[in-house]
Amino acid sequence: MDGTGGTGGVNGMVDGMGGADETWRQHWGRPEDALARALEVLRAPRPDVLPRLSEVLATLVPHTALTQLSGVCTFSPKHGYGPPELTAAIGSLELSRLAERTAGTTSTGRPWQGEAELAGRPRPVVVVATAPGRGSDALLVLVRSTGAPVAPGALAVLQQLWDLVTAHSDHRATDAAPAQAAASRASANARARAIAEFTGTHSAALTAILAPLRSADLDDAAARRSATELAVTALLDLRQGAELDRTLSEKPAADAFARLVRELRPLLRHTRVHLDVAPPAEADRSVPADAAHTARDAVRVAVLLMLEREKPTRLHVSWQFTPDGLLRAVVRGDGLGLLTADALTVHRTVDRIAGLGGRHRVEAVPGWGTTVTVDLPLALPEPALATDPLDGLQPRELEVLDQLAQGRRNRDIAAALHISESTVKFHVANILAKLDVSSRGEAAALAHRAGLPRGPVGLHAAS
């Protein structure tokens, strides 16, 4: 069959008649060109997949609009790109009927071309569906301006590209392989159990420590000795729990880097690029899981960008720990040195780095190569200091302060809150210390400035 020429697509694309076979081969004939165009689509954020697909298909199958019937999204299965008056008029029912009509061809892994009733009149179309066993049913319809036949070679490339896009979309929808999802869920459950155990252990330890201090049968020295022994035991238990949480939330640096190298090898398998790797010197040191994931993602993106735009012959990838507590991931290539400072914005990599409090830089020297450096902090940032002087008070202390701000004495506060007068004295002492004031009057003045008292206090459970 003869193909159609031109540089079609949505924005001003016009189907042509002559030289189409030669046109598509010029743009898609070499494997590296086809892979580069496929990569453009796969890198696009989800909302931009169809617009990017339309752009790259312009020289393969010229069209005026395209529409998709997804087998993944049941809430909104139809999506389109092109003139709104056309794409909005094409309904899911029309596409479903077209899928049934063309199934005899598309189910064998070959696109169908012909005329179909869409948006109120017959239109020339090319229909491609995912090949059996390569993902869920997903239909792509290219609406054309002429019925000139598309070259068989172009149709074959179209089929392979659509299979690839669909498989990638399925992967995005499911987000993770079952084994990874199971491991992630198991880790989350284990951490939830550890936190629950922390809460119970902490509560039991505080109760046990308070018991000898409150006991009337022990003198001061015996009470302090007993409370100290209980506190030491509780601290040891807490450290063991912290080690458990650490094993669940961190990964050995050597393991994380080895996984990165395994992920990079397939990217370079069919190239002449030599990969040098330098794992972190402190191989046994642990790295927070989110930092390890982000570092691997940033390195992968940097390598892909260099392969696409830099044409390097050698890549060097390294991780190291800096003296100021950072995990530093470096990718250095000897390519053209053309990457821009915002190159890592693809796949929101920059957002992930910033979300962890990290930073990155791209240093490109034309003709000499490019170095991408990503620094990620290994420790969580310090929490912001409280701006409200009452933020450091516990709920019960706020209730006592509320009563105190109303000018009530300890005995009245105890009666209102259903607690003992000695407990009120304990809370008042804590309030004065936390607010850094020396008298009840100063505490009451701070409370008034913060909006207390808040009115009558209702019934409360005893402390």
Protein backbone atom coordinates (compact mmCIF):
# COMPACT_ATOMS: atom_id res chain seq x y z
CA MET A 1 0.00 0.00 0.00
CA ASP A 2 1.07 3.57 -0.61
CA GLY A 3 1.28 5.78 2.46
CA THR A 4 0.47 9.40 2.94
CA GLY A 5 2.97 12.21 3.19
CA GLY A 6 3.07 15.51 4.97
CA THR A 7 3.90 16.40 8.52
CA GLY A 8 0.40 15.89 9.96
CA GLY A 9 -0.66 16.08 13.60
CA VAL A 10 -3.15 18.17 15.50
CA ASN A 11 -1.83 21.68 15.06
CA GLY A 12 -2.13 22.35 11.39
CA MET A 13 -1.29 18.80 10.30
CA VAL A 14 -2.44 18.00 6.80
CA ASP A 15 -2.43 14.55 5.26
CA GLY A 16 -0.58 14.30 1.99
CA MET A 17 -0.54 11.73 -0.75
CA GLY A 18 2.92 11.48 -2.26
CA GLY A 19 6.17 10.24 -0.83
CA ALA A 20 4.66 9.12 2.45
CA ASP A 21 6.66 5.90 2.67
CA GLU A 22 9.89 7.83 2.21
CA THR A 23 8.77 10.49 4.73
CA TRP A 24 8.06 8.14 7.61
CA ARG A 25 11.25 6.18 6.98
CA GLN A 26 13.28 9.38 7.18
CA HIS A 27 11.95 9.98 10.70
CA TRP A 28 11.48 6.42 11.94
CA GLY A 29 13.75 4.23 9.84
CA ARG A 30 16.70 4.10 12.24
CA PRO A 31 16.17 2.25 15.55
CA GLU A 32 17.71 5.09 17.55
CA ASP A 33 15.25 7.57 16.02
CA ALA A 34 12.26 5.37 16.81
CA LEU A 35 13.47 4.80 20.36
CA ALA A 36 14.05 8.53 20.87
CA ARG A 37 10.46 9.29 19.84
CA ALA A 38 9.10 6.52 22.03
CA LEU A 39 11.12 7.93 24.93
CA GLU A 40 9.53 11.35 24.39
CA VAL A 41 6.10 9.84 24.97
CA LEU A 42 7.10 7.69 27.94
CA ARG A 43 8.72 10.64 29.70
CA ALA A 44 5.65 12.84 29.40
CA PRO A 45 3.57 13.41 32.56
CA ARG A 46 0.27 11.54 32.47
CA PRO A 47 -1.86 14.53 31.29
CA ASP A 48 0.58 15.19 28.41
CA VAL A 49 0.83 11.65 27.04
CA LEU A 50 -1.75 12.07 24.26
CA PRO A 51 -0.49 15.50 23.10
CA ARG A 52 3.09 14.19 23.02
CA LEU A 53 1.96 11.01 21.24
CA SER A 54 0.18 13.10 18.62
CA GLU A 55 3.35 15.11 18.02
CA VAL A 56 5.59 12.10 17.50
CA LEU A 57 3.02 10.34 15.28
CA ALA A 58 2.83 13.34 12.96
CA THR A 59 5.50 11.92 10.65
CA LEU A 60 4.37 8.31 11.01
CA VAL A 61 0.59 8.45 10.53
CA PRO A 62 -0.52 12.02 9.74
CA HIS A 63 -3.81 12.83 11.49
CA THR A 64 -6.02 15.70 12.58
CA ALA A 65 -7.08 14.29 15.95
CA LEU A 66 -6.69 11.21 18.08
CA THR A 67 -8.82 9.63 20.77
CA GLN A 68 -8.22 6.81 23.22
CA LEU A 69 -10.50 4.29 24.91
CA SER A 70 -8.66 3.05 27.97
CA GLY A 71 -8.97 -0.37 29.54
CA VAL A 72 -7.42 0.85 32.80
CA CYS A 73 -9.50 3.86 33.84
CA THR A 74 -13.15 2.86 34.29
CA PHE A 75 -14.12 6.26 35.72
CA SER A 76 -13.12 8.23 32.60
CA PRO A 77 -12.16 5.74 29.87
CA LYS A 78 -12.25 8.14 26.90
CA HIS A 79 -9.61 10.76 26.27
CA GLY A 80 -8.85 12.78 23.18
CA TYR A 81 -6.53 15.37 21.72
CA GLY A 82 -7.26 17.64 18.82
CA PRO A 83 -9.93 20.17 17.85
CA PRO A 84 -12.34 20.24 20.82
CA GLU A 85 -15.41 20.34 18.58
CA LEU A 86 -14.31 16.99 17.14
CA THR A 87 -12.87 15.14 20.14
CA ALA A 88 -15.76 16.16 22.41
CA ALA A 89 -18.29 14.90 19.85
CA ILE A 90 -16.75 11.41 19.72
CA GLY A 91 -18.41 9.29 22.40
CA SER A 92 -17.29 6.19 24.26
CA LEU A 93 -20.15 4.20 22.70
CA GLU A 94 -18.93 5.03 19.18
CA LEU A 95 -15.42 3.93 20.12
CA SER A 96 -16.69 0.72 21.69
CA ARG A 97 -18.61 -0.14 18.51
CA LEU A 98 -15.53 0.67 16.44
CA ALA A 99 -13.46 -1.63 18.67
CA GLU A 100 -15.93 -4.48 18.08
CA ARG A 101 -16.01 -3.83 14.35
CA THR A 102 -12.22 -3.85 13.95
CA ALA A 103 -11.46 -6.60 16.47
CA GLY A 104 -10.91 -9.18 13.73
CA THR A 105 -7.83 -7.23 12.62
CA THR A 106 -6.62 -5.51 15.78
CA SER A 107 -6.84 -8.69 17.88
CA THR A 108 -4.10 -10.16 15.69
CA GLY A 109 -1.76 -7.29 16.55
CA ARG A 110 -2.29 -5.31 13.33
CA PRO A 111 -3.81 -1.80 12.98
CA TRP A 112 -7.03 -1.37 10.98
CA GLN A 113 -7.60 1.46 8.50
CA GLY A 114 -10.79 2.50 6.78
CA GLU A 115 -13.89 4.65 7.35
CA ALA A 116 -15.92 4.83 10.55
CA GLU A 117 -18.94 6.79 11.73
CA LEU A 118 -17.59 9.30 14.23
CA ALA A 119 -19.06 12.63 15.43
CA GLY A 120 -22.00 12.42 13.07
CA ARG A 121 -20.37 11.46 9.78
CA PRO A 122 -18.01 8.93 8.15
CA ARG A 123 -14.34 9.74 8.69
CA PRO A 124 -11.11 8.05 7.58
CA VAL A 125 -9.39 6.49 10.59
CA VAL A 126 -6.59 4.22 11.67
CA VAL A 127 -7.42 2.01 14.65
CA VAL A 128 -4.82 0.29 16.79
CA ALA A 129 -5.38 -1.83 19.89
CA THR A 130 -3.00 -3.48 22.32
CA ALA A 131 -1.81 -6.83 21.08
CA PRO A 132 -2.96 -9.91 23.05
CA GLY A 133 -0.90 -10.51 26.18
CA ARG A 134 0.68 -7.04 26.18
CA GLY A 135 -1.58 -5.23 28.59
CA SER A 136 -5.23 -4.38 29.10
CA ASP A 137 -7.47 -3.53 26.15
CA ALA A 138 -6.70 0.00 25.02
CA LEU A 139 -7.91 1.45 21.73
CA LEU A 140 -6.30 4.32 19.86
CA VAL A 141 -8.13 5.96 16.96
CA LEU A 142 -6.34 8.38 14.64
CA VAL A 143 -8.79 10.58 12.74
CA ARG A 144 -7.35 11.55 9.36
CA SER A 145 -8.24 14.12 6.74
CA THR A 146 -7.88 11.74 3.79
CA GLY A 147 -8.35 8.04 3.26
CA ALA A 148 -4.97 7.53 1.57
CA PRO A 149 -3.61 4.16 2.76
CA VAL A 150 -0.81 4.10 5.32
CA ALA A 151 2.31 2.09 4.50
CA PRO A 152 2.47 -1.35 6.14
CA GLY A 153 5.84 -0.53 7.68
CA ALA A 154 4.42 2.59 9.32
CA LEU A 155 1.49 0.56 10.66
CA ALA A 156 3.86 -1.99 12.16
CA VAL A 157 5.81 0.74 13.96
CA LEU A 158 2.53 2.29 15.15
CA GLN A 159 1.47 -1.04 16.65
CA GLN A 160 4.74 -1.50 18.50
CA LEU A 161 4.68 2.07 19.82
CA TRP A 162 1.10 1.74 21.07
CA ASP A 163 1.92 -1.57 22.79
CA LEU A 164 4.83 0.14 24.52
CA VAL A 165 2.77 3.18 25.60
CA THR A 166 -0.01 0.94 26.92
CA ALA A 167 2.37 -1.26 28.88
CA HIS A 168 3.95 1.84 30.40
CA SER A 169 0.54 3.25 31.30
CA ASP A 170 -0.43 -0.03 32.94
CA HIS A 171 2.77 0.11 34.95
CA ARG A 172 1.99 3.66 36.07
CA ALA A 173 -1.54 2.66 37.05
CA THR A 174 -0.41 -0.24 39.17
CA ASP A 175 2.63 1.82 40.33
CA ALA A 176 4.61 -1.12 41.66
CA ALA A 177 5.14 -4.78 41.00
CA PRO A 178 3.20 -7.12 43.33
CA ALA A 179 6.37 -8.17 45.13
CA GLN A 180 7.36 -4.54 45.71
CA ALA A 181 3.86 -3.61 46.86
CA ALA A 182 3.76 -6.59 49.20
CA ALA A 183 7.16 -5.71 50.63
CA SER A 184 6.11 -2.09 51.08
CA ARG A 185 2.88 -3.08 52.80
CA ALA A 186 4.66 -5.57 55.04
CA SER A 187 7.15 -2.88 56.03
CA ALA A 188 4.37 -0.39 56.75
CA ASN A 189 2.52 -2.96 58.86
CA ALA A 190 5.68 -3.79 60.76
CA ARG A 191 6.32 -0.12 61.46
CA ALA A 192 2.72 0.36 62.60
CA ARG A 193 3.12 -2.55 65.02
CA ALA A 194 6.42 -1.10 66.26
CA ILE A 195 4.81 2.30 66.86
CA ALA A 196 1.89 0.68 68.69
CA GLU A 197 4.35 -1.25 70.83
CA PHE A 198 6.27 1.98 71.53
CA THR A 199 3.06 3.62 72.75
CA GLY A 200 2.14 0.75 75.04
CA THR A 201 5.68 0.37 76.37
CA HIS A 202 6.02 4.10 76.99
CA SER A 203 2.71 4.25 78.84
CA ALA A 204 3.56 1.22 80.95
CA ALA A 205 7.02 2.61 81.76
CA LEU A 206 5.63 5.96 82.93
CA THR A 207 3.02 4.22 85.08
CA ALA A 208 5.67 1.96 86.61
CA ILE A 209 8.02 4.88 87.35
CA LEU A 210 5.24 6.91 88.99
CA ALA A 211 4.14 4.02 91.21
CA PRO A 212 7.14 4.03 93.61
CA LEU A 213 7.23 7.83 93.61
CA ARG A 214 3.60 7.92 94.76
CA SER A 215 3.89 5.03 97.20
CA ALA A 216 3.47 5.87 100.87
CA ASP A 217 5.30 2.66 101.86
CA LEU A 218 8.71 3.75 100.47
CA ASP A 219 11.01 6.41 101.77
CA ASP A 220 12.46 8.98 99.37
CA ALA A 221 15.73 7.12 98.76
CA ALA A 222 14.02 3.78 98.06
CA ALA A 223 11.45 5.45 95.78
CA ARG A 224 14.16 7.22 93.79
CA ARG A 225 16.22 4.02 93.49
CA SER A 226 13.23 2.00 92.30
CA ALA A 227 12.14 4.71 89.82
CA THR A 228 15.71 4.99 88.47
CA GLU A 229 15.95 1.23 87.86
CA LEU A 230 12.61 1.27 86.04
CA ALA A 231 13.68 4.26 83.96
CA VAL A 232 16.95 2.56 82.91
CA THR A 233 15.04 -0.56 81.86
CA ALA A 234 12.57 1.56 79.87
CA LEU A 235 15.43 3.36 78.08
CA LEU A 236 16.99 0.04 77.06
CA ASP A 237 13.65 -1.13 75.66
CA LEU A 238 13.28 2.16 73.81
CA ARG A 239 16.69 1.77 72.18
CA GLN A 240 15.82 -1.74 71.02
CA GLY A 241 12.59 -0.41 69.53
CA ALA A 242 14.50 2.40 67.81
CA GLU A 243 16.81 -0.18 66.22
CA LEU A 244 13.76 -2.07 64.91
CA ASP A 245 12.30 1.10 63.42
CA ARG A 246 15.68 1.93 61.90
CA THR A 247 15.90 -1.43 60.13
CA LEU A 248 12.43 -0.87 58.68
CA SER A 249 12.96 2.71 57.51
CA GLU A 250 16.60 2.60 56.33
CA LYS A 251 18.60 0.62 53.81
CA PRO A 252 22.30 -0.30 53.76
CA ALA A 253 24.11 2.07 51.40
CA ALA A 254 25.88 -0.81 49.61
CA ASP A 255 22.58 -2.57 48.86
CA ALA A 256 20.91 0.60 47.60
CA PHE A 257 23.84 1.43 45.33
CA ALA A 258 24.07 -2.14 44.01
CA ARG A 259 20.39 -1.98 43.07
CA LEU A 260 21.03 1.27 41.21
CA VAL A 261 23.85 -0.33 39.19
CA ARG A 262 21.58 -3.27 38.29
CA GLU A 263 18.98 -0.78 37.03
CA LEU A 264 21.54 1.13 34.94
CA ARG A 265 23.11 -1.87 33.18
CA PRO A 266 20.11 -2.57 30.87
CA LEU A 267 20.05 1.09 29.78
CA LEU A 268 23.59 0.76 28.44
CA ARG A 269 23.43 -2.81 27.16
CA HIS A 270 23.06 -1.91 23.50
CA THR A 271 25.32 1.14 23.53
CA ARG A 272 29.07 1.62 23.43
CA VAL A 273 29.03 3.68 26.61
CA HIS A 274 31.36 2.43 29.34
CA LEU A 275 29.99 2.69 32.89
CA ASP A 276 32.31 3.33 35.84
CA VAL A 277 30.80 3.04 39.31
CA ALA A 278 32.11 4.07 42.71
CA PRO A 279 30.01 2.79 45.61
CA PRO A 280 30.05 4.66 48.92
CA ALA A 281 33.16 4.01 50.99
CA GLU A 282 31.10 3.38 54.14
CA ALA A 283 29.25 0.42 52.68
CA ASP A 284 27.66 -0.64 55.97
CA ARG A 285 26.22 2.79 56.69
CA SER A 286 22.43 3.03 56.49
CA VAL A 287 20.56 5.47 54.28
CA PRO A 288 16.94 6.58 54.85
CA ALA A 289 14.73 4.73 52.39
CA ASP A 290 13.27 7.91 50.86
CA ALA A 291 16.77 9.35 50.32
CA ALA A 292 17.94 6.11 48.68
CA HIS A 293 14.90 6.03 46.35
CA THR A 294 15.30 9.68 45.38
CA ALA A 295 19.04 9.31 44.76
CA ARG A 296 18.46 6.31 42.48
CA ASP A 297 15.69 8.13 40.60
CA ALA A 298 17.86 11.22 40.09
CA VAL A 299 20.80 9.16 38.81
CA ARG A 300 18.59 7.20 36.39
CA VAL A 301 17.08 10.40 34.99
CA ALA A 302 20.52 12.01 34.63
CA VAL A 303 21.87 8.95 32.79
CA LEU A 304 18.89 8.85 30.43
CA LEU A 305 19.25 12.55 29.67
CA MET A 306 22.96 12.18 28.94
CA LEU A 307 22.38 9.18 26.69
CA GLU A 308 19.75 11.11 24.75
CA ARG A 309 21.36 14.54 24.49
CA GLU A 310 25.05 14.22 25.31
CA LYS A 311 26.22 11.19 23.26
CA PRO A 312 28.84 10.18 25.87
CA THR A 313 31.37 7.36 25.55
CA ARG A 314 31.91 7.03 29.29
CA LEU A 315 29.74 7.61 32.36
CA HIS A 316 30.92 7.69 35.96
CA VAL A 317 28.38 7.21 38.77
CA SER A 318 29.27 7.58 42.43
CA TRP A 319 27.71 7.90 45.87
CA GLN A 320 29.50 9.32 48.87
CA PHE A 321 28.78 10.59 52.36
CA THR A 322 29.88 14.16 53.00
CA PRO A 323 31.19 15.44 56.36
CA ASP A 324 28.13 17.70 56.73
CA GLY A 325 25.69 14.76 56.72
CA LEU A 326 24.67 14.52 53.07
CA LEU A 327 24.33 11.66 50.62
CA ARG A 328 25.95 12.96 47.43
CA ALA A 329 25.08 11.25 44.14
CA VAL A 330 27.22 12.25 41.14
CA VAL A 331 26.83 11.41 37.44
CA ARG A 332 29.69 12.55 35.21
CA GLY A 333 29.74 12.08 31.43
CA ASP A 334 32.24 12.97 28.70
CA GLY A 335 29.56 13.96 26.18
CA LEU A 336 28.70 17.19 24.41
CA GLY A 337 28.13 19.22 27.57
CA LEU A 338 24.72 20.55 26.55
CA LEU A 339 22.46 19.81 29.53
CA THR A 340 20.73 22.85 30.99
CA ALA A 341 20.36 23.71 34.66
CA ASP A 342 16.69 22.67 34.65
CA ALA A 343 17.28 19.31 32.95
CA LEU A 344 16.17 17.28 35.98
CA THR A 345 12.67 18.75 35.98
CA VAL A 346 11.49 15.71 33.98
CA HIS A 347 9.43 13.21 35.97
CA ARG A 348 9.31 15.82 38.79
CA THR A 349 12.75 14.73 39.93
CA VAL A 350 13.58 18.23 41.15
CA ASP A 351 10.38 18.26 43.24
CA ARG A 352 11.37 14.98 44.90
CA ILE A 353 14.83 16.31 45.72
CA ALA A 354 13.43 19.55 47.14
CA GLY A 355 10.80 17.62 49.11
CA LEU A 356 13.60 15.98 51.11
CA GLY A 357 15.37 19.28 51.68
CA GLY A 358 18.01 18.44 49.08
CA ARG A 359 19.56 20.37 46.21
CA HIS A 360 21.07 19.64 42.82
CA ARG A 361 23.29 21.29 40.25
CA VAL A 362 24.10 20.67 36.61
CA GLU A 363 27.55 21.73 35.41
CA ALA A 364 27.90 21.51 31.64
CA VAL A 365 30.99 22.52 29.68
CA PRO A 366 30.38 22.42 25.90
CA GLY A 367 32.71 19.94 24.28
CA TRP A 368 33.95 18.54 27.58
CA GLY A 369 30.96 16.95 29.27
CA THR A 370 28.45 17.35 32.06
CA THR A 371 28.37 16.62 35.78
CA VAL A 372 25.09 16.27 37.68
CA THR A 373 25.35 16.41 41.48
CA VAL A 374 22.50 15.68 43.89
CA ASP A 375 22.86 16.29 47.64
CA LEU A 376 20.29 14.77 49.98
CA PRO A 377 20.31 15.25 53.78
CA LEU A 378 20.52 12.03 55.78
CA ALA A 379 18.75 13.52 58.80
CA LEU A 380 15.30 15.04 59.05
CA PRO A 381 15.24 18.85 59.30
CA GLU A 382 14.81 20.28 62.76
CA PRO A 383 11.17 21.15 63.50
CA ALA A 384 10.28 24.81 63.45
CA LEU A 385 10.16 26.50 66.83
CA ALA A 386 6.69 27.12 68.20
CA THR A 387 5.57 30.72 67.74
CA ASP A 388 2.62 30.51 70.16
CA PRO A 389 3.81 30.44 73.80
CA LEU A 390 1.01 27.99 74.63
CA ASP A 391 1.96 25.48 71.92
CA GLY A 392 4.20 23.55 74.31
CA LEU A 393 1.42 22.86 76.83
CA GLN A 394 -0.38 19.54 77.07
CA PRO A 395 -4.20 19.47 76.80
CA ARG A 396 -4.67 19.06 80.56
CA GLU A 397 -2.23 21.92 81.24
CA LEU A 398 -4.24 24.14 78.89
CA GLU A 399 -7.38 23.30 80.86
CA VAL A 400 -5.66 24.22 84.13
CA LEU A 401 -4.33 27.44 82.60
CA ASP A 402 -7.81 28.26 81.34
CA GLN A 403 -9.11 27.95 84.91
CA LEU A 404 -6.15 29.86 86.27
CA ALA A 405 -6.85 32.70 83.82
CA GLN A 406 -10.32 32.97 85.34
CA GLY A 407 -8.71 33.70 88.69
CA ARG A 408 -9.63 30.41 90.35
CA ARG A 409 -7.70 28.89 93.21
CA ASN A 410 -6.19 25.41 93.14
CA ARG A 411 -9.07 23.93 95.16
CA ASP A 412 -11.65 25.34 92.74
CA ILE A 413 -9.67 24.16 89.72
CA ALA A 414 -9.43 20.66 91.20
CA ALA A 415 -13.20 20.55 91.72
CA ALA A 416 -13.93 21.84 88.21
CA LEU A 417 -11.61 19.36 86.49
CA HIS A 418 -12.30 16.45 88.87
CA ILE A 419 -8.65 16.01 89.82
CA SER A 420 -6.79 16.27 93.11
CA GLU A 421 -5.44 19.56 94.45
CA SER A 422 -1.89 18.12 94.43
CA THR A 423 -2.28 17.30 90.75
CA VAL A 424 -3.32 20.90 90.13
CA LYS A 425 -0.18 22.11 91.89
CA PHE A 426 1.89 19.75 89.70
CA HIS A 427 0.31 21.13 86.52
CA VAL A 428 0.69 24.76 87.65
CA ALA A 429 4.40 24.22 88.32
CA ASN A 430 4.83 22.72 84.84
CA ILE A 431 2.90 25.60 83.27
CA LEU A 432 5.09 28.22 84.93
CA ALA A 433 8.24 26.42 83.81
CA LYS A 434 7.08 25.93 80.20
CA LEU A 435 5.88 29.52 79.88
CA ASP A 436 9.09 30.77 81.54
CA VAL A 437 7.19 32.91 84.04
CA SER A 438 7.57 33.17 87.81
CA SER A 439 4.00 33.71 89.01
CA ARG A 440 0.41 32.70 88.41
CA GLY A 441 -0.35 36.31 87.50
CA GLU A 442 2.20 36.33 84.65
CA ALA A 443 0.84 33.01 83.42
CA ALA A 444 -2.69 34.41 83.51
CA ALA A 445 -1.56 37.50 81.56
CA LEU A 446 -0.06 35.29 78.82
CA ALA A 447 -3.25 33.25 78.75
CA HIS A 448 -5.38 36.37 78.28
CA ARG A 449 -3.18 37.51 75.39
CA ALA A 450 -3.64 34.05 73.81
CA GLY A 451 -7.44 34.26 74.04
CA LEU A 452 -8.09 32.51 77.35
CA PRO A 453 -10.28 31.97 79.27
CA ARG A 454 -12.61 30.25 76.84
CA GLY A 455 -15.66 29.99 79.04
CA PRO A 456 -17.00 27.34 81.40
CA VAL A 457 -15.23 24.01 81.40
CA GLY A 458 -17.36 20.88 81.12
CA LEU A 459 -16.87 17.49 82.65
CA HIS A 460 -13.47 15.81 82.12
CA ALA A 461 -12.11 12.41 82.91
CA ALA A 462 -9.78 12.34 85.88
CA SER A 463 -6.05 12.54 85.17
